[in-house]
Amino acid sequence: MIRVFVVAASPVVRAGLSAVVATSSKLTVVGSASDLDTFTKEFEQLQPDVVLLDVSGHFQELVWEKLLSSQQPYPFAIIILTDELDSINFEAALRAGVRSILPSISTESEIVAAVEAIALGLVVLHSDTIESVLPFKESSVREKDTSPVVQALTPREIEVLQMLGSGLGNKAIAKRLNISEHTVKFHVSSIFQKLSVSTRTEAVTVGVRLGLIML
């Protein structure tokens, strides 16, 4: 069961988001708060896996200030709901530990899917945010151009890694690329070795962080 804590200034929004989370049998709401300070006081006792943050108006500025001031990585995944996508510094957000940024108008199914995905270590961005993230992705690739990890991955391996990020199995990848399943297994094994990971989730997570793929 994935443990979720809801933070929102409005009691109505908190109740609504808690109800949305409760629609999934894989999720459970362990608590809610009107601000991050209150959440911090309850964190050790509740131990959530995911923190669902609704930010709006001046509350958004307070949230970013709090998140970016942390000197250590957070022991939980963060998902942001906002009505001001244009004002978000995506690079700073991702580096601060935010693993999903969704518009406030996201559907119940989109929110639930995002919570479940980031709990598994994935990064989830709404389609409306892709254009804003592209500059970050491109700069990340340029920064990593001299990295042996990026240079080691072949174009085909990056293609396979992208399909792993889409949740495809070996058989589906083989059919999509018109290659044998044995060849897919070889590529996956090579990706694991080059990225120093042992699972598909870890490989996708590292791939996103390096700017190799975009979910």
N, C-alpha and C. Protein backbone atom coordinates (compact mmCIF):
# COMPACT_ATOMS: atom_id res chain seq x y z
N MET A 1 0.84 -1.20 0.00
CA MET A 1 0.00 0.00 0.00
C MET A 1 0.87 1.25 0.00
N ILE A 2 0.59 2.17 -0.90
CA ILE A 2 1.36 3.41 -1.01
C ILE A 2 0.75 4.46 -0.06
N ARG A 3 1.57 4.98 0.84
CA ARG A 3 1.11 5.92 1.86
C ARG A 3 1.23 7.36 1.34
N VAL A 4 0.12 8.08 1.33
CA VAL A 4 0.08 9.42 0.75
C VAL A 4 -0.31 10.45 1.81
N PHE A 5 0.41 11.57 1.82
CA PHE A 5 0.07 12.70 2.69
C PHE A 5 -0.32 13.87 1.81
N VAL A 6 -1.45 14.51 2.10
CA VAL A 6 -1.97 15.61 1.28
C VAL A 6 -1.71 16.95 1.98
N VAL A 7 -1.15 17.90 1.22
CA VAL A 7 -0.91 19.25 1.74
C VAL A 7 -1.60 20.25 0.82
N ALA A 8 -2.51 21.05 1.37
CA ALA A 8 -3.21 22.08 0.59
C ALA A 8 -3.74 23.13 1.56
N ALA A 9 -3.62 24.40 1.18
CA ALA A 9 -4.07 25.49 2.05
C ALA A 9 -5.58 25.45 2.27
N SER A 10 -6.32 25.07 1.23
CA SER A 10 -7.78 25.06 1.32
C SER A 10 -8.28 23.73 1.89
N PRO A 11 -9.13 23.75 2.93
CA PRO A 11 -9.69 22.52 3.48
C PRO A 11 -10.54 21.77 2.46
N VAL A 12 -11.18 22.52 1.56
CA VAL A 12 -12.01 21.88 0.52
C VAL A 12 -11.11 21.09 -0.44
N VAL A 13 -10.00 21.71 -0.84
CA VAL A 13 -9.07 21.04 -1.75
C VAL A 13 -8.46 19.81 -1.06
N ARG A 14 -8.09 19.94 0.22
CA ARG A 14 -7.53 18.80 0.95
C ARG A 14 -8.51 17.64 0.96
N ALA A 15 -9.77 17.94 1.23
CA ALA A 15 -10.78 16.89 1.26
C ALA A 15 -10.96 16.26 -0.12
N GLY A 16 -10.95 17.11 -1.15
CA GLY A 16 -11.12 16.61 -2.51
C GLY A 16 -9.98 15.71 -2.94
N LEU A 17 -8.75 16.13 -2.67
CA LEU A 17 -7.58 15.33 -3.06
C LEU A 17 -7.53 14.02 -2.26
N SER A 18 -7.89 14.09 -1.00
CA SER A 18 -7.93 12.87 -0.18
C SER A 18 -8.94 11.89 -0.74
N ALA A 19 -10.06 12.40 -1.21
CA ALA A 19 -11.10 11.54 -1.80
C ALA A 19 -10.61 10.92 -3.11
N VAL A 20 -9.86 11.71 -3.89
CA VAL A 20 -9.30 11.19 -5.14
C VAL A 20 -8.33 10.06 -4.86
N VAL A 21 -7.44 10.26 -3.91
CA VAL A 21 -6.46 9.23 -3.55
C VAL A 21 -7.15 7.96 -3.08
N ALA A 22 -8.23 8.12 -2.34
CA ALA A 22 -8.95 6.97 -1.79
C ALA A 22 -9.65 6.12 -2.84
N THR A 23 -9.76 6.64 -4.07
CA THR A 23 -10.41 5.85 -5.13
C THR A 23 -9.55 4.69 -5.60
N SER A 24 -8.25 4.71 -5.27
CA SER A 24 -7.35 3.63 -5.69
C SER A 24 -7.12 2.66 -4.55
N SER A 25 -7.22 1.39 -4.86
CA SER A 25 -6.99 0.35 -3.84
C SER A 25 -5.52 0.23 -3.47
N LYS A 26 -4.64 0.86 -4.29
CA LYS A 26 -3.21 0.80 -4.03
C LYS A 26 -2.72 1.93 -3.13
N LEU A 27 -3.61 2.91 -2.89
CA LEU A 27 -3.21 4.11 -2.15
C LEU A 27 -4.00 4.25 -0.86
N THR A 28 -3.37 4.87 0.12
CA THR A 28 -4.06 5.18 1.36
C THR A 28 -3.58 6.54 1.87
N VAL A 29 -4.51 7.37 2.33
CA VAL A 29 -4.18 8.69 2.87
C VAL A 29 -3.83 8.54 4.35
N VAL A 30 -2.61 8.89 4.71
CA VAL A 30 -2.17 8.75 6.10
C VAL A 30 -2.32 10.05 6.89
N GLY A 31 -2.60 11.15 6.18
CA GLY A 31 -2.77 12.42 6.87
C GLY A 31 -2.88 13.58 5.90
N SER A 32 -3.20 14.76 6.43
CA SER A 32 -3.28 15.95 5.60
C SER A 32 -2.92 17.16 6.46
N ALA A 33 -2.50 18.24 5.79
CA ALA A 33 -2.11 19.45 6.50
C ALA A 33 -2.33 20.66 5.61
N SER A 34 -2.42 21.83 6.24
CA SER A 34 -2.63 23.06 5.48
C SER A 34 -1.33 23.71 5.03
N ASP A 35 -0.19 23.25 5.59
CA ASP A 35 1.10 23.82 5.21
C ASP A 35 2.21 22.82 5.47
N LEU A 36 3.40 23.12 4.94
CA LEU A 36 4.53 22.21 5.05
C LEU A 36 5.07 22.13 6.47
N ASP A 37 4.98 23.19 7.23
CA ASP A 37 5.47 23.16 8.61
C ASP A 37 4.69 22.14 9.44
N THR A 38 3.39 22.12 9.28
CA THR A 38 2.56 21.15 9.99
C THR A 38 2.90 19.73 9.54
N PHE A 39 3.09 19.57 8.23
CA PHE A 39 3.46 18.25 7.70
C PHE A 39 4.78 17.77 8.29
N THR A 40 5.76 18.67 8.39
CA THR A 40 7.08 18.32 8.90
C THR A 40 6.99 17.76 10.32
N LYS A 41 6.10 18.32 11.11
CA LYS A 41 5.95 17.87 12.49
C LYS A 41 5.37 16.46 12.57
N GLU A 42 4.60 16.08 11.55
CA GLU A 42 3.93 14.77 11.57
C GLU A 42 4.64 13.72 10.73
N PHE A 43 5.66 14.13 9.96
CA PHE A 43 6.28 13.23 9.01
C PHE A 43 6.85 11.97 9.65
N GLU A 44 7.65 12.14 10.70
CA GLU A 44 8.33 10.99 11.31
C GLU A 44 7.36 9.93 11.80
N GLN A 45 6.22 10.37 12.30
CA GLN A 45 5.23 9.43 12.81
C GLN A 45 4.46 8.74 11.68
N LEU A 46 4.14 9.49 10.63
CA LEU A 46 3.29 8.96 9.56
C LEU A 46 4.07 8.26 8.45
N GLN A 47 5.31 8.67 8.19
CA GLN A 47 6.18 8.04 7.19
C GLN A 47 5.50 7.84 5.83
N PRO A 48 5.08 8.90 5.16
CA PRO A 48 4.43 8.75 3.84
C PRO A 48 5.45 8.40 2.75
N ASP A 49 4.96 7.74 1.70
CA ASP A 49 5.80 7.44 0.54
C ASP A 49 5.74 8.59 -0.46
N VAL A 50 4.58 9.24 -0.51
CA VAL A 50 4.34 10.33 -1.46
C VAL A 50 3.66 11.49 -0.76
N VAL A 51 4.12 12.70 -1.07
CA VAL A 51 3.47 13.90 -0.56
C VAL A 51 2.81 14.61 -1.74
N LEU A 52 1.50 14.77 -1.68
CA LEU A 52 0.72 15.41 -2.73
C LEU A 52 0.49 16.86 -2.33
N LEU A 53 1.15 17.79 -3.03
CA LEU A 53 1.10 19.21 -2.70
C LEU A 53 0.26 19.99 -3.69
N ASP A 54 -0.74 20.69 -3.19
CA ASP A 54 -1.49 21.61 -4.04
C ASP A 54 -0.97 23.01 -3.75
N VAL A 55 -0.48 23.69 -4.78
CA VAL A 55 0.04 25.05 -4.59
C VAL A 55 -0.75 26.02 -5.44
N SER A 56 -1.08 27.15 -4.85
CA SER A 56 -1.82 28.18 -5.59
C SER A 56 -1.57 29.53 -4.93
N GLY A 57 -1.58 30.58 -5.74
CA GLY A 57 -1.38 31.93 -5.23
C GLY A 57 -0.07 32.11 -4.49
N HIS A 58 -0.10 32.82 -3.38
CA HIS A 58 1.11 33.08 -2.61
C HIS A 58 1.66 31.81 -1.98
N PHE A 59 0.79 30.80 -1.81
CA PHE A 59 1.23 29.55 -1.20
C PHE A 59 2.29 28.88 -2.05
N GLN A 60 2.23 29.10 -3.38
CA GLN A 60 3.22 28.50 -4.26
C GLN A 60 4.62 29.02 -3.94
N GLU A 61 4.75 30.32 -3.72
CA GLU A 61 6.05 30.89 -3.40
C GLU A 61 6.59 30.33 -2.09
N LEU A 62 5.71 30.15 -1.10
CA LEU A 62 6.13 29.61 0.18
C LEU A 62 6.61 28.17 0.04
N VAL A 63 5.92 27.40 -0.79
CA VAL A 63 6.29 26.00 -1.00
C VAL A 63 7.66 25.90 -1.65
N TRP A 64 7.89 26.68 -2.72
CA TRP A 64 9.19 26.62 -3.40
C TRP A 64 10.32 27.02 -2.47
N GLU A 65 10.09 28.07 -1.67
CA GLU A 65 11.12 28.51 -0.74
C GLU A 65 11.46 27.41 0.26
N LYS A 66 10.46 26.72 0.72
CA LYS A 66 10.66 25.64 1.68
C LYS A 66 11.39 24.46 1.03
N LEU A 67 10.95 24.07 -0.16
CA LEU A 67 11.54 22.93 -0.83
C LEU A 67 12.99 23.18 -1.20
N LEU A 68 13.27 24.35 -1.77
CA LEU A 68 14.60 24.65 -2.26
C LEU A 68 15.60 24.94 -1.14
N SER A 69 15.10 25.20 0.06
CA SER A 69 15.99 25.50 1.18
C SER A 69 16.53 24.25 1.85
N SER A 70 15.97 23.10 1.52
CA SER A 70 16.42 21.85 2.14
C SER A 70 17.83 21.51 1.69
N GLN A 71 18.66 21.10 2.65
CA GLN A 71 20.05 20.76 2.35
C GLN A 71 20.23 19.26 2.10
N GLN A 72 19.18 18.49 2.33
CA GLN A 72 19.26 17.04 2.16
C GLN A 72 18.08 16.55 1.31
N PRO A 73 18.28 15.43 0.58
CA PRO A 73 17.18 14.90 -0.24
C PRO A 73 16.03 14.42 0.64
N TYR A 74 14.84 14.62 0.15
CA TYR A 74 13.67 14.20 0.93
C TYR A 74 13.50 12.68 0.86
N PRO A 75 13.09 12.05 1.97
CA PRO A 75 12.89 10.59 1.99
C PRO A 75 11.54 10.18 1.45
N PHE A 76 10.93 11.02 0.64
CA PHE A 76 9.63 10.71 0.05
C PHE A 76 9.54 11.39 -1.31
N ALA A 77 8.64 10.90 -2.16
CA ALA A 77 8.45 11.49 -3.48
C ALA A 77 7.43 12.63 -3.38
N ILE A 78 7.65 13.68 -4.18
CA ILE A 78 6.77 14.85 -4.13
C ILE A 78 6.05 15.03 -5.46
N ILE A 79 4.75 15.25 -5.39
CA ILE A 79 3.97 15.56 -6.58
C ILE A 79 3.29 16.91 -6.38
N ILE A 80 3.45 17.80 -7.37
CA ILE A 80 2.92 19.16 -7.28
C ILE A 80 1.71 19.33 -8.19
N LEU A 81 0.66 19.93 -7.65
CA LEU A 81 -0.50 20.34 -8.44
C LEU A 81 -0.52 21.87 -8.45
N THR A 82 -0.53 22.48 -9.62
CA THR A 82 -0.47 23.93 -9.68
C THR A 82 -1.33 24.47 -10.82
N ASP A 83 -1.79 25.71 -10.66
CA ASP A 83 -2.53 26.37 -11.73
C ASP A 83 -1.66 27.41 -12.43
N GLU A 84 -0.35 27.40 -12.13
CA GLU A 84 0.57 28.35 -12.73
C GLU A 84 1.81 27.64 -13.26
N LEU A 85 1.61 26.78 -14.24
CA LEU A 85 2.71 26.00 -14.81
C LEU A 85 3.80 26.89 -15.39
N ASP A 86 3.40 28.00 -15.99
CA ASP A 86 4.37 28.88 -16.67
C ASP A 86 5.37 29.50 -15.72
N SER A 87 5.02 29.60 -14.44
CA SER A 87 5.91 30.27 -13.49
C SER A 87 6.85 29.32 -12.76
N ILE A 88 6.78 28.02 -13.07
CA ILE A 88 7.58 27.04 -12.35
C ILE A 88 8.95 26.86 -12.99
N ASN A 89 9.97 26.83 -12.17
CA ASN A 89 11.33 26.50 -12.60
C ASN A 89 11.45 24.98 -12.52
N PHE A 90 11.24 24.31 -13.65
CA PHE A 90 11.21 22.85 -13.65
C PHE A 90 12.54 22.24 -13.24
N GLU A 91 13.62 22.84 -13.68
CA GLU A 91 14.94 22.31 -13.34
C GLU A 91 15.14 22.33 -11.83
N ALA A 92 14.84 23.46 -11.20
CA ALA A 92 15.00 23.58 -9.76
C ALA A 92 14.05 22.62 -9.02
N ALA A 93 12.84 22.48 -9.55
CA ALA A 93 11.85 21.61 -8.91
C ALA A 93 12.32 20.16 -8.91
N LEU A 94 12.78 19.67 -10.06
CA LEU A 94 13.23 18.29 -10.16
C LEU A 94 14.45 18.04 -9.28
N ARG A 95 15.34 19.01 -9.23
CA ARG A 95 16.52 18.85 -8.39
C ARG A 95 16.18 18.92 -6.91
N ALA A 96 15.07 19.55 -6.58
CA ALA A 96 14.65 19.66 -5.18
C ALA A 96 13.93 18.42 -4.68
N GLY A 97 13.65 17.50 -5.59
CA GLY A 97 12.99 16.27 -5.18
C GLY A 97 11.58 16.10 -5.68
N VAL A 98 11.07 17.09 -6.43
CA VAL A 98 9.74 16.96 -7.01
C VAL A 98 9.80 15.93 -8.13
N ARG A 99 8.91 14.96 -8.11
CA ARG A 99 8.92 13.90 -9.12
C ARG A 99 7.73 13.95 -10.05
N SER A 100 6.82 14.88 -9.82
CA SER A 100 5.69 15.03 -10.74
C SER A 100 5.12 16.44 -10.60
N ILE A 101 4.81 17.05 -11.75
CA ILE A 101 4.19 18.37 -11.77
C ILE A 101 2.98 18.30 -12.70
N LEU A 102 1.80 18.54 -12.13
CA LEU A 102 0.56 18.43 -12.89
C LEU A 102 -0.26 19.71 -12.75
N PRO A 103 -1.01 20.06 -13.77
CA PRO A 103 -1.91 21.23 -13.65
C PRO A 103 -3.05 20.90 -12.70
N SER A 104 -3.59 21.92 -12.07
CA SER A 104 -4.67 21.71 -11.09
C SER A 104 -5.92 21.10 -11.73
N ILE A 105 -6.05 21.24 -13.05
CA ILE A 105 -7.24 20.71 -13.74
C ILE A 105 -7.08 19.24 -14.11
N SER A 106 -6.03 18.60 -13.64
CA SER A 106 -5.82 17.18 -13.94
C SER A 106 -7.00 16.35 -13.46
N THR A 107 -7.27 15.27 -14.18
CA THR A 107 -8.38 14.40 -13.83
C THR A 107 -7.99 13.49 -12.66
N GLU A 108 -9.01 12.86 -12.07
CA GLU A 108 -8.76 11.94 -10.96
C GLU A 108 -7.81 10.83 -11.38
N SER A 109 -8.05 10.26 -12.56
CA SER A 109 -7.22 9.15 -13.03
C SER A 109 -5.78 9.59 -13.26
N GLU A 110 -5.57 10.82 -13.73
CA GLU A 110 -4.22 11.33 -13.96
C GLU A 110 -3.47 11.50 -12.64
N ILE A 111 -4.16 12.01 -11.64
CA ILE A 111 -3.53 12.20 -10.33
C ILE A 111 -3.17 10.86 -9.70
N VAL A 112 -4.09 9.93 -9.73
CA VAL A 112 -3.85 8.61 -9.15
C VAL A 112 -2.70 7.91 -9.86
N ALA A 113 -2.70 7.96 -11.20
CA ALA A 113 -1.64 7.31 -11.97
C ALA A 113 -0.28 7.93 -11.65
N ALA A 114 -0.25 9.26 -11.49
CA ALA A 114 1.00 9.94 -11.18
C ALA A 114 1.52 9.54 -9.80
N VAL A 115 0.64 9.46 -8.83
CA VAL A 115 1.05 9.07 -7.47
C VAL A 115 1.62 7.66 -7.47
N GLU A 116 0.93 6.74 -8.16
CA GLU A 116 1.40 5.36 -8.21
C GLU A 116 2.75 5.26 -8.92
N ALA A 117 2.92 6.05 -9.98
CA ALA A 117 4.16 5.98 -10.77
C ALA A 117 5.36 6.53 -10.01
N ILE A 118 5.21 7.68 -9.38
CA ILE A 118 6.36 8.27 -8.69
C ILE A 118 6.73 7.47 -7.44
N ALA A 119 5.76 6.74 -6.89
CA ALA A 119 6.06 5.87 -5.75
C ALA A 119 6.99 4.73 -6.17
N LEU A 120 6.98 4.42 -7.48
CA LEU A 120 7.86 3.38 -8.03
C LEU A 120 9.20 3.95 -8.50
N GLY A 121 9.38 5.25 -8.34
CA GLY A 121 10.65 5.86 -8.71
C GLY A 121 10.66 6.55 -10.06
N LEU A 122 9.50 6.66 -10.69
CA LEU A 122 9.43 7.31 -12.01
C LEU A 122 9.18 8.81 -11.87
N VAL A 123 9.43 9.53 -12.96
CA VAL A 123 9.13 10.96 -13.02
C VAL A 123 7.94 11.14 -13.96
N VAL A 124 6.93 11.88 -13.52
CA VAL A 124 5.71 12.04 -14.31
C VAL A 124 5.43 13.52 -14.55
N LEU A 125 5.33 13.90 -15.82
CA LEU A 125 4.99 15.27 -16.18
C LEU A 125 3.79 15.26 -17.12
N HIS A 126 2.89 16.20 -16.94
CA HIS A 126 1.72 16.30 -17.80
C HIS A 126 2.15 16.76 -19.19
N SER A 127 1.39 16.38 -20.20
CA SER A 127 1.73 16.75 -21.58
C SER A 127 1.82 18.26 -21.75
N ASP A 128 1.06 19.01 -20.96
CA ASP A 128 1.11 20.47 -21.06
C ASP A 128 2.44 21.06 -20.61
N THR A 129 3.25 20.27 -19.88
CA THR A 129 4.51 20.78 -19.35
C THR A 129 5.71 20.41 -20.19
N ILE A 130 5.53 19.57 -21.20
CA ILE A 130 6.66 19.05 -21.96
C ILE A 130 7.50 20.16 -22.59
N GLU A 131 6.85 21.14 -23.23
CA GLU A 131 7.60 22.21 -23.89
C GLU A 131 8.44 23.00 -22.89
N SER A 132 7.94 23.15 -21.68
CA SER A 132 8.68 23.89 -20.67
C SER A 132 9.89 23.11 -20.18
N VAL A 133 9.81 21.78 -20.26
CA VAL A 133 10.90 20.94 -19.76
C VAL A 133 11.98 20.70 -20.80
N LEU A 134 11.65 20.83 -22.09
CA LEU A 134 12.61 20.54 -23.15
C LEU A 134 13.93 21.28 -22.99
N PRO A 135 13.94 22.57 -22.68
CA PRO A 135 15.22 23.26 -22.50
C PRO A 135 16.07 22.62 -21.41
N PHE A 136 15.41 22.14 -20.32
CA PHE A 136 16.12 21.47 -19.24
C PHE A 136 16.72 20.16 -19.73
N LYS A 137 15.94 19.43 -20.53
CA LYS A 137 16.42 18.17 -21.06
C LYS A 137 17.63 18.39 -21.96
N GLU A 138 17.52 19.39 -22.86
CA GLU A 138 18.61 19.64 -23.79
C GLU A 138 19.88 20.07 -23.07
N SER A 139 19.74 20.92 -22.03
CA SER A 139 20.91 21.37 -21.29
C SER A 139 21.52 20.21 -20.53
N SER A 140 20.66 19.30 -20.04
CA SER A 140 21.16 18.14 -19.31
C SER A 140 21.99 17.25 -20.22
N VAL A 141 21.52 17.08 -21.46
CA VAL A 141 22.26 16.26 -22.41
C VAL A 141 23.61 16.89 -22.72
N ARG A 142 23.61 18.22 -22.90
CA ARG A 142 24.88 18.88 -23.19
C ARG A 142 25.85 18.75 -22.03
N GLU A 143 25.34 18.87 -20.78
CA GLU A 143 26.19 18.75 -19.61
C GLU A 143 26.77 17.35 -19.51
N LYS A 144 26.03 16.37 -19.99
CA LYS A 144 26.46 14.99 -19.85
C LYS A 144 27.19 14.45 -21.08
N ASP A 145 27.41 15.29 -22.07
CA ASP A 145 28.03 14.82 -23.30
C ASP A 145 29.38 14.17 -23.07
N THR A 146 30.10 14.64 -22.07
CA THR A 146 31.42 14.08 -21.80
C THR A 146 31.37 12.93 -20.81
N SER A 147 30.18 12.62 -20.32
CA SER A 147 30.04 11.54 -19.36
C SER A 147 30.17 10.19 -20.04
N PRO A 148 30.96 9.27 -19.46
CA PRO A 148 31.12 7.94 -20.05
C PRO A 148 29.82 7.17 -20.09
N VAL A 149 28.88 7.45 -19.15
CA VAL A 149 27.60 6.74 -19.15
C VAL A 149 26.81 7.07 -20.40
N VAL A 150 26.70 8.38 -20.73
CA VAL A 150 25.93 8.79 -21.90
C VAL A 150 26.60 8.31 -23.17
N GLN A 151 27.92 8.42 -23.28
CA GLN A 151 28.63 8.00 -24.47
C GLN A 151 28.54 6.49 -24.66
N ALA A 152 28.40 5.75 -23.56
CA ALA A 152 28.40 4.30 -23.65
C ALA A 152 27.10 3.76 -24.24
N LEU A 153 25.99 4.45 -24.01
CA LEU A 153 24.70 3.97 -24.51
C LEU A 153 24.59 4.21 -26.02
N THR A 154 24.25 3.16 -26.74
CA THR A 154 24.06 3.29 -28.18
C THR A 154 22.68 3.85 -28.48
N PRO A 155 22.45 4.38 -29.67
CA PRO A 155 21.12 4.87 -30.03
C PRO A 155 20.03 3.82 -29.84
N ARG A 156 20.34 2.57 -30.16
CA ARG A 156 19.37 1.49 -30.01
C ARG A 156 19.06 1.26 -28.52
N GLU A 157 20.08 1.33 -27.67
CA GLU A 157 19.88 1.13 -26.24
C GLU A 157 19.03 2.25 -25.65
N ILE A 158 19.24 3.46 -26.12
CA ILE A 158 18.43 4.59 -25.66
C ILE A 158 16.98 4.38 -26.09
N GLU A 159 16.80 3.85 -27.30
CA GLU A 159 15.46 3.57 -27.81
C GLU A 159 14.76 2.52 -26.94
N VAL A 160 15.51 1.48 -26.58
CA VAL A 160 14.96 0.43 -25.71
C VAL A 160 14.65 1.00 -24.33
N LEU A 161 15.54 1.85 -23.81
CA LEU A 161 15.33 2.47 -22.51
C LEU A 161 14.06 3.31 -22.50
N GLN A 162 13.80 4.04 -23.59
CA GLN A 162 12.59 4.84 -23.70
C GLN A 162 11.36 3.94 -23.64
N MET A 163 11.42 2.78 -24.28
CA MET A 163 10.29 1.85 -24.27
C MET A 163 10.10 1.22 -22.89
N LEU A 164 11.21 1.02 -22.17
CA LEU A 164 11.10 0.54 -20.80
C LEU A 164 10.35 1.58 -19.96
N GLY A 165 10.63 2.85 -20.24
CA GLY A 165 9.96 3.93 -19.54
C GLY A 165 8.47 3.97 -19.84
N SER A 166 8.08 3.44 -20.99
CA SER A 166 6.67 3.41 -21.38
C SER A 166 5.96 2.18 -20.82
N GLY A 167 6.75 1.33 -20.10
CA GLY A 167 6.17 0.16 -19.47
C GLY A 167 6.05 -1.06 -20.36
N LEU A 168 6.72 -1.07 -21.51
CA LEU A 168 6.64 -2.21 -22.42
C LEU A 168 7.52 -3.36 -21.94
N GLY A 169 7.05 -4.59 -22.16
CA GLY A 169 7.82 -5.78 -21.84
C GLY A 169 8.74 -6.14 -22.99
N ASN A 170 9.58 -7.14 -22.77
CA ASN A 170 10.54 -7.55 -23.80
C ASN A 170 9.86 -7.96 -25.11
N LYS A 171 8.76 -8.70 -25.01
CA LYS A 171 8.08 -9.18 -26.21
C LYS A 171 7.51 -8.01 -27.02
N ALA A 172 6.92 -7.04 -26.31
CA ALA A 172 6.34 -5.88 -26.98
C ALA A 172 7.44 -5.03 -27.63
N ILE A 173 8.57 -4.89 -26.94
CA ILE A 173 9.68 -4.11 -27.48
C ILE A 173 10.24 -4.79 -28.73
N ALA A 174 10.36 -6.12 -28.68
CA ALA A 174 10.87 -6.87 -29.82
C ALA A 174 9.97 -6.69 -31.04
N LYS A 175 8.66 -6.73 -30.80
CA LYS A 175 7.71 -6.55 -31.91
C LYS A 175 7.78 -5.14 -32.46
N ARG A 176 7.90 -4.15 -31.55
CA ARG A 176 7.94 -2.74 -31.97
C ARG A 176 9.19 -2.45 -32.80
N LEU A 177 10.33 -3.05 -32.43
CA LEU A 177 11.59 -2.78 -33.12
C LEU A 177 11.90 -3.81 -34.21
N ASN A 178 11.02 -4.80 -34.32
CA ASN A 178 11.21 -5.85 -35.32
C ASN A 178 12.54 -6.59 -35.13
N ILE A 179 12.83 -6.93 -33.87
CA ILE A 179 14.03 -7.70 -33.53
C ILE A 179 13.60 -8.86 -32.64
N SER A 180 14.50 -9.78 -32.36
CA SER A 180 14.16 -10.94 -31.55
C SER A 180 14.09 -10.57 -30.07
N GLU A 181 13.34 -11.35 -29.32
CA GLU A 181 13.24 -11.10 -27.88
C GLU A 181 14.60 -11.30 -27.21
N HIS A 182 15.39 -12.23 -27.75
CA HIS A 182 16.73 -12.47 -27.22
C HIS A 182 17.59 -11.21 -27.36
N THR A 183 17.46 -10.53 -28.50
CA THR A 183 18.23 -9.30 -28.72
C THR A 183 17.80 -8.21 -27.75
N VAL A 184 16.50 -8.14 -27.46
CA VAL A 184 16.00 -7.16 -26.49
C VAL A 184 16.61 -7.42 -25.12
N LYS A 185 16.66 -8.70 -24.72
CA LYS A 185 17.24 -9.05 -23.43
C LYS A 185 18.72 -8.63 -23.38
N PHE A 186 19.39 -8.79 -24.50
CA PHE A 186 20.80 -8.39 -24.57
C PHE A 186 20.94 -6.88 -24.37
N HIS A 187 20.07 -6.11 -25.02
CA HIS A 187 20.12 -4.65 -24.88
C HIS A 187 19.80 -4.22 -23.44
N VAL A 188 18.80 -4.86 -22.85
CA VAL A 188 18.41 -4.51 -21.48
C VAL A 188 19.56 -4.81 -20.51
N SER A 189 20.19 -5.96 -20.70
CA SER A 189 21.33 -6.33 -19.86
C SER A 189 22.47 -5.32 -20.00
N SER A 190 22.72 -4.90 -21.24
CA SER A 190 23.78 -3.93 -21.50
C SER A 190 23.46 -2.58 -20.85
N ILE A 191 22.18 -2.18 -20.91
CA ILE A 191 21.74 -0.92 -20.30
C ILE A 191 21.96 -0.97 -18.78
N PHE A 192 21.56 -2.09 -18.17
CA PHE A 192 21.74 -2.26 -16.73
C PHE A 192 23.21 -2.10 -16.34
N GLN A 193 24.07 -2.72 -17.12
CA GLN A 193 25.50 -2.70 -16.81
C GLN A 193 26.07 -1.28 -16.95
N LYS A 194 25.71 -0.59 -18.02
CA LYS A 194 26.26 0.73 -18.29
C LYS A 194 25.74 1.80 -17.33
N LEU A 195 24.50 1.62 -16.87
CA LEU A 195 23.92 2.60 -15.95
C LEU A 195 24.12 2.19 -14.48
N SER A 196 24.75 1.03 -14.28
CA SER A 196 25.01 0.53 -12.92
C SER A 196 23.73 0.37 -12.12
N VAL A 197 22.73 -0.27 -12.73
CA VAL A 197 21.46 -0.52 -12.07
C VAL A 197 21.13 -2.00 -12.16
N SER A 198 20.09 -2.42 -11.43
CA SER A 198 19.73 -3.83 -11.43
C SER A 198 18.26 -4.08 -11.76
N THR A 199 17.47 -3.01 -11.91
CA THR A 199 16.05 -3.17 -12.24
C THR A 199 15.65 -2.20 -13.34
N ARG A 200 14.53 -2.47 -13.97
CA ARG A 200 14.02 -1.60 -15.03
C ARG A 200 13.65 -0.22 -14.46
N THR A 201 13.05 -0.21 -13.29
CA THR A 201 12.66 1.06 -12.68
C THR A 201 13.87 1.93 -12.44
N GLU A 202 14.95 1.34 -11.92
CA GLU A 202 16.18 2.09 -11.68
C GLU A 202 16.76 2.61 -12.98
N ALA A 203 16.73 1.79 -14.03
CA ALA A 203 17.27 2.20 -15.33
C ALA A 203 16.51 3.40 -15.87
N VAL A 204 15.19 3.36 -15.78
CA VAL A 204 14.36 4.47 -16.28
C VAL A 204 14.62 5.73 -15.46
N THR A 205 14.71 5.57 -14.14
CA THR A 205 14.95 6.71 -13.27
C THR A 205 16.27 7.39 -13.60
N VAL A 206 17.32 6.59 -13.76
CA VAL A 206 18.64 7.14 -14.10
C VAL A 206 18.59 7.78 -15.48
N GLY A 207 17.89 7.13 -16.42
CA GLY A 207 17.79 7.67 -17.77
C GLY A 207 17.13 9.03 -17.80
N VAL A 208 16.09 9.21 -16.97
CA VAL A 208 15.41 10.51 -16.89
C VAL A 208 16.32 11.56 -16.27
N ARG A 209 17.01 11.17 -15.21
CA ARG A 209 17.89 12.12 -14.52
C ARG A 209 19.04 12.57 -15.40
N LEU A 210 19.51 11.69 -16.28
CA LEU A 210 20.61 12.04 -17.18
C LEU A 210 20.12 12.77 -18.42
N GLY A 211 18.81 12.86 -18.60
CA GLY A 211 18.28 13.51 -19.79
C GLY A 211 18.30 12.64 -21.02
N LEU A 212 18.48 11.32 -20.84
CA LEU A 212 18.52 10.40 -21.98
C LEU A 212 17.12 10.15 -22.55
N ILE A 213 16.12 10.11 -21.67
CA ILE A 213 14.75 9.86 -22.10
C ILE A 213 13.81 10.82 -21.38
N MET A 214 12.61 10.95 -21.92
CA MET A 214 11.58 11.81 -21.31
C MET A 214 10.31 10.98 -21.19
N LEU A 215 9.75 10.93 -20.00
CA LEU A 215 8.52 10.17 -19.79
C LEU A 215 7.31 11.01 -20.17
